[in-house]
């Protein structure tokens, strides 16, 4: 069986194509119930120094940093580029 099993439909009288603070509060309360509040579901990025050169190149390409990688040859240079990007130093 798939699909939502625990839900509540609400209407907001007089509300047409907009949102109200009451609706926002209901959404907030719903999210607090269903989304874990701890770091359990947080995305953890792999440390660049533990990545292979292939993984580093893929990360650089995905981040749109290809032009900054031209001429890099050493793994340490790729690691530095990815770290600088993640830290907002580019």
Protein backbone atom coordinates (compact mmCIF):
# COMPACT_ATOMS: atom_id res chain seq x y z
CA UNK A 1 0.00 0.00 0.00
CA UNK A 2 1.43 3.30 -1.10
CA UNK A 3 0.28 6.83 -0.48
CA UNK A 4 -0.26 9.14 2.43
CA UNK A 5 -2.03 7.57 5.38
CA UNK A 6 -1.87 10.27 8.00
CA UNK A 7 -3.12 13.58 6.65
CA UNK A 8 -5.64 16.28 7.39
CA UNK A 9 -7.39 18.38 4.75
CA UNK A 10 -7.98 21.96 5.76
CA UNK A 11 -9.83 24.81 4.11
CA UNK A 12 -9.24 28.49 4.72
CA UNK A 13 -12.46 30.47 4.21
CA UNK A 14 -12.04 33.66 2.21
CA UNK A 15 -8.56 32.70 1.02
CA UNK A 16 -8.25 32.81 -2.77
CA UNK A 17 -4.88 32.35 -4.53
CA UNK A 18 -2.88 33.57 -1.58
CA UNK A 19 -1.60 32.38 1.77
CA UNK A 20 -2.49 33.36 5.27
CA UNK A 21 -0.46 33.30 8.46
CA UNK A 22 -2.78 30.55 9.72
CA UNK A 23 -1.95 28.42 6.68
CA UNK A 24 1.79 29.07 7.11
CA UNK A 25 1.54 28.04 10.78
CA UNK A 26 -0.25 24.81 9.80
CA UNK A 27 2.45 24.00 7.24
CA UNK A 28 5.16 24.72 9.83
CA UNK A 29 3.50 22.43 12.38
CA UNK A 30 3.09 19.69 9.77
CA UNK A 31 6.74 19.88 8.72
CA UNK A 32 7.90 19.79 12.34
CA UNK A 33 5.96 16.53 12.75
CA UNK A 34 7.21 14.74 9.64
CA UNK A 35 10.75 16.07 9.09
CA UNK A 36 13.43 14.96 11.55
CA UNK A 37 14.85 17.89 13.49
CA UNK A 38 18.30 16.41 14.00
CA UNK A 39 21.18 15.99 11.56
CA UNK A 40 20.01 12.48 10.67
CA UNK A 41 18.83 13.49 7.20
CA UNK A 42 21.43 16.18 6.53
CA UNK A 43 23.48 15.74 3.37
CA UNK A 44 27.08 15.02 4.27
CA UNK A 45 29.58 15.91 1.58
CA UNK A 46 32.60 13.71 1.15
CA UNK A 47 35.86 15.36 2.20
CA UNK A 48 37.63 16.36 -1.03
CA UNK A 49 40.91 14.89 0.21
CA UNK A 50 39.19 11.48 0.37
CA UNK A 51 37.84 11.75 -3.18
CA UNK A 52 39.48 10.17 -6.19
CA UNK A 53 40.68 12.44 -8.99
CA UNK A 54 37.74 11.15 -11.05
CA UNK A 55 35.30 12.18 -8.30
CA UNK A 56 37.02 15.56 -7.92
CA UNK A 57 36.77 16.23 -11.66
CA UNK A 58 33.08 15.27 -11.63
CA UNK A 59 32.43 17.60 -8.67
CA UNK A 60 34.28 20.42 -10.44
CA UNK A 61 32.32 19.86 -13.64
CA UNK A 62 29.00 19.69 -11.77
CA UNK A 63 29.79 22.95 -9.95
CA UNK A 64 30.58 24.68 -13.25
CA UNK A 65 34.23 25.21 -12.32
CA UNK A 66 35.75 23.64 -15.41
CA UNK A 67 37.42 26.87 -16.53
CA UNK A 68 39.13 27.22 -13.14
CA UNK A 69 40.50 23.68 -13.40
CA UNK A 70 42.32 24.23 -16.69
CA UNK A 71 46.00 23.49 -16.18
CA UNK A 72 45.56 21.72 -12.84
CA UNK A 73 47.49 18.46 -12.71
CA UNK A 74 48.02 17.49 -9.09
CA UNK A 75 45.29 15.98 -6.94
CA UNK A 76 46.06 18.56 -4.25
CA UNK A 77 45.16 21.33 -6.72
CA UNK A 78 41.78 19.73 -7.46
CA UNK A 79 41.17 19.26 -3.72
CA UNK A 80 41.96 22.94 -3.08
CA UNK A 81 39.60 24.06 -5.87
CA UNK A 82 36.70 21.98 -4.51
CA UNK A 83 37.37 23.14 -0.92
CA UNK A 84 37.59 26.78 -1.98
CA UNK A 85 34.29 26.44 -3.85
CA UNK A 86 32.53 24.81 -0.87
CA UNK A 87 33.86 27.49 1.48
CA UNK A 88 32.74 30.32 -0.82
CA UNK A 89 36.28 31.48 -1.53
CA UNK A 90 35.91 31.66 -5.32
